Amino acid sequence: VDLQTGKERWQLTFKTETVTEPVFHGGTVYIAAHDANALLALDAKTGQERWRYGLVAREFPRNLLAIASGVYGAGDRLYGVNRETGRELWRPIELRRIINEKPRVFTVRRLIDAGSTLVAPIRSNRDSALVGFDKASGEVIWAVRRPVPAPLALPLSL
């Protein structure tokens, strides 16, 4: 859609529902799609595919963040992809933490840009946490945990 006039420029049709909402950055639209089994970068003016990044074992990110340093996606895995080329910044990382002395996969519902760190609020039945990931490696660099009814408030931007 042309943001000045509201006129449709192009349209993509998928057989199944996409997992992420489109994210726009620097003339490119990024979206993770079931049909493509990939993260797609599309030219915002024409809809032409610029690149595609194949997703691991059909485990799709639930959200995307596109910023100057890359495109980051998170769900049960954390992805980091070069915004211009679609090449991975690091291998996808399965997100785990220790719950009741056992490693458990956790799901990130939102990513927030905080300079050299990606911040993600997470929640389980027993606790909630803010987790900081290093943008350069995708590794967890810190976590702040709270028992569940104590919610962690997080601003929309830092």
Protein backbone atom coordinates (compact mmCIF):
# COMPACT_ATOMS: atom_id res chain seq x y z
CA VAL A 1 0.00 0.00 0.00
CA ASP A 2 1.27 3.46 -0.85
CA LEU A 3 1.38 5.14 2.56
CA GLN A 4 0.68 8.59 1.09
CA THR A 5 -2.34 7.69 -1.06
CA GLY A 6 -3.62 4.41 0.40
CA LYS A 7 -3.56 2.78 -3.06
CA GLU A 8 -2.55 -0.85 -3.34
CA ARG A 9 0.84 -1.29 -5.04
CA TRP A 10 1.07 -5.10 -5.01
CA GLN A 11 -0.31 -8.15 -3.27
CA LEU A 12 0.99 -11.56 -2.23
CA THR A 13 -1.29 -14.52 -1.77
CA PHE A 14 -0.42 -17.36 0.57
CA LYS A 15 -2.18 -20.72 0.80
CA THR A 16 -1.77 -20.75 4.56
CA GLU A 17 -1.65 -18.07 7.18
CA THR A 18 1.62 -16.21 7.64
CA VAL A 19 3.13 -16.34 11.10
CA THR A 20 4.47 -12.81 11.44
CA GLU A 21 3.01 -9.48 10.61
CA PRO A 22 5.01 -7.67 7.93
CA VAL A 23 7.82 -5.42 9.17
CA PHE A 24 9.04 -2.48 7.08
CA HIS A 25 12.58 -1.07 7.12
CA GLY A 26 14.57 0.85 4.51
CA GLY A 27 12.34 0.13 1.51
CA THR A 28 11.99 -3.58 2.31
CA VAL A 29 9.13 -5.59 3.78
CA TYR A 30 10.10 -8.63 5.87
CA ILE A 31 7.70 -11.49 6.59
CA ALA A 32 7.96 -15.12 7.69
CA ALA A 33 5.58 -17.31 5.68
CA HIS A 34 4.49 -20.92 6.09
CA ASP A 35 4.07 -21.41 2.33
CA ALA A 36 7.65 -20.40 1.66
CA ASN A 37 9.06 -22.09 4.79
CA ALA A 38 11.20 -18.96 4.94
CA LEU A 39 11.76 -15.44 6.06
CA LEU A 40 11.24 -13.27 2.97
CA ALA A 41 12.60 -9.83 2.11
CA LEU A 42 10.40 -8.07 -0.45
CA ASP A 43 10.89 -4.77 -2.27
CA ALA A 44 8.29 -2.46 -0.71
CA LYS A 45 7.49 -0.73 -4.02
CA THR A 46 7.19 -3.78 -6.29
CA GLY A 47 6.75 -6.81 -4.03
CA GLN A 48 9.67 -8.48 -5.81
CA GLU A 49 11.61 -10.93 -3.63
CA ARG A 50 15.05 -9.63 -2.67
CA TRP A 51 16.11 -12.73 -0.72
CA ARG A 52 14.78 -15.62 1.32
CA TYR A 53 16.17 -17.29 4.40
CA GLY A 54 15.07 -20.88 5.00
CA LEU A 55 13.72 -21.51 8.48
CA VAL A 56 14.78 -24.44 10.65
CA ALA A 57 12.37 -27.40 10.76
CA ARG A 58 9.36 -25.21 10.06
CA GLU A 59 9.80 -23.48 13.42
CA PHE A 60 8.75 -19.97 12.56
CA PRO A 61 9.45 -16.79 14.42
CA ARG A 62 6.33 -15.30 16.00
CA ASN A 63 7.67 -11.79 15.64
CA LEU A 64 10.26 -9.88 13.68
CA LEU A 65 12.41 -6.84 14.36
CA ALA A 66 14.13 -5.14 11.42
CA ILE A 67 16.78 -2.57 12.28
CA ALA A 68 20.01 -1.31 10.72
CA SER A 69 22.11 -4.17 12.13
CA GLY A 70 19.83 -6.96 10.88
CA VAL A 71 16.51 -8.73 10.90
CA TYR A 72 15.85 -10.64 14.09
CA GLY A 73 13.10 -13.17 14.64
CA ALA A 74 12.05 -15.04 17.73
CA GLY A 75 9.64 -17.73 18.76
CA ASP A 76 11.09 -20.99 20.07
CA ARG A 77 14.37 -20.08 18.34
CA LEU A 78 16.24 -16.83 17.92
CA TYR A 79 17.27 -15.86 14.39
CA GLY A 80 19.67 -13.14 13.26
CA VAL A 81 19.88 -12.36 9.53
CA ASN A 82 21.80 -9.72 7.60
CA ARG A 83 19.16 -7.22 6.45
CA GLU A 84 20.76 -6.62 3.02
CA THR A 85 21.82 -10.15 2.02
CA GLY A 86 19.67 -12.58 4.01
CA ARG A 87 22.76 -14.41 5.29
CA GLU A 88 22.55 -15.56 8.88
CA LEU A 89 24.44 -13.58 11.50
CA TRP A 90 24.61 -16.71 13.68
CA ARG A 91 23.09 -20.19 13.60
CA PRO A 92 19.51 -20.25 14.93
CA ILE A 93 19.50 -20.73 18.69
CA GLU A 94 16.92 -22.86 20.45
CA LEU A 95 15.73 -20.88 23.44
CA ARG A 96 15.95 -22.82 26.71
CA ARG A 97 16.01 -22.06 30.39
CA ILE A 98 16.02 -24.15 33.55
CA ILE A 99 12.58 -24.70 35.14
CA ASN A 100 12.28 -27.13 38.06
CA GLU A 101 15.88 -28.20 37.42
CA LYS A 102 15.08 -29.25 33.81
CA PRO A 103 15.89 -27.38 30.60
CA ARG A 104 12.68 -26.15 28.96
CA VAL A 105 12.11 -24.40 25.66
CA PHE A 106 10.62 -20.96 26.10
CA THR A 107 8.90 -18.72 23.59
CA VAL A 108 9.69 -15.08 22.91
CA ARG A 109 6.63 -13.06 21.96
CA ARG A 110 8.34 -9.72 21.30
CA LEU A 111 11.84 -8.38 20.66
CA ILE A 112 12.99 -4.89 21.60
CA ASP A 113 16.08 -3.13 20.24
CA ALA A 114 18.36 -1.91 23.06
CA GLY A 115 21.61 -0.96 21.35
CA SER A 116 23.91 -3.98 21.26
CA THR A 117 21.26 -6.07 23.06
CA LEU A 118 17.93 -7.56 22.04
CA VAL A 119 15.52 -7.60 24.99
CA ALA A 120 12.66 -10.10 25.21
CA PRO A 121 9.94 -10.39 27.84
CA ILE A 122 9.02 -14.03 28.49
CA ARG A 123 6.43 -15.60 30.77
CA SER A 124 5.55 -19.07 32.03
CA ASN A 125 2.95 -20.27 34.52
CA ARG A 126 5.39 -19.80 37.39
CA ASP A 127 7.50 -16.79 36.53
CA SER A 128 8.20 -14.00 34.11
CA ALA A 129 11.51 -12.62 32.97
CA LEU A 130 13.30 -10.13 30.81
CA VAL A 131 16.09 -11.73 28.83
CA GLY A 132 18.93 -9.87 27.12
CA PHE A 133 20.49 -11.39 23.99
CA ASP A 134 23.75 -10.22 22.42
CA LYS A 135 23.03 -9.02 18.85
CA ALA A 136 26.44 -10.13 17.62
CA SER A 137 26.10 -13.76 18.76
CA GLY A 138 22.48 -14.35 19.79
CA GLU A 139 23.64 -15.65 23.16
CA VAL A 140 21.83 -14.86 26.41
CA ILE A 141 23.88 -12.27 28.29
CA TRP A 142 21.52 -11.57 31.19
CA ALA A 143 18.10 -12.45 32.61
CA VAL A 144 15.94 -10.87 35.31
CA ARG A 145 13.31 -13.22 36.74
CA ARG A 146 10.23 -12.49 38.85
CA PRO A 147 7.55 -14.80 40.23
CA VAL A 148 4.26 -14.61 38.33
CA PRO A 149 1.95 -12.32 39.68
CA ALA A 150 4.78 -9.75 39.65
CA PRO A 151 4.68 -8.59 36.05
CA LEU A 152 7.66 -6.95 34.43
CA ALA A 153 6.79 -3.66 32.77
CA LEU A 154 8.73 -2.84 29.64
CA PRO A 155 8.65 0.37 27.62
CA LEU A 156 7.88 0.11 23.91
CA SER A 157 11.26 1.65 23.09
CA LEU A 158 14.48 2.12 25.00
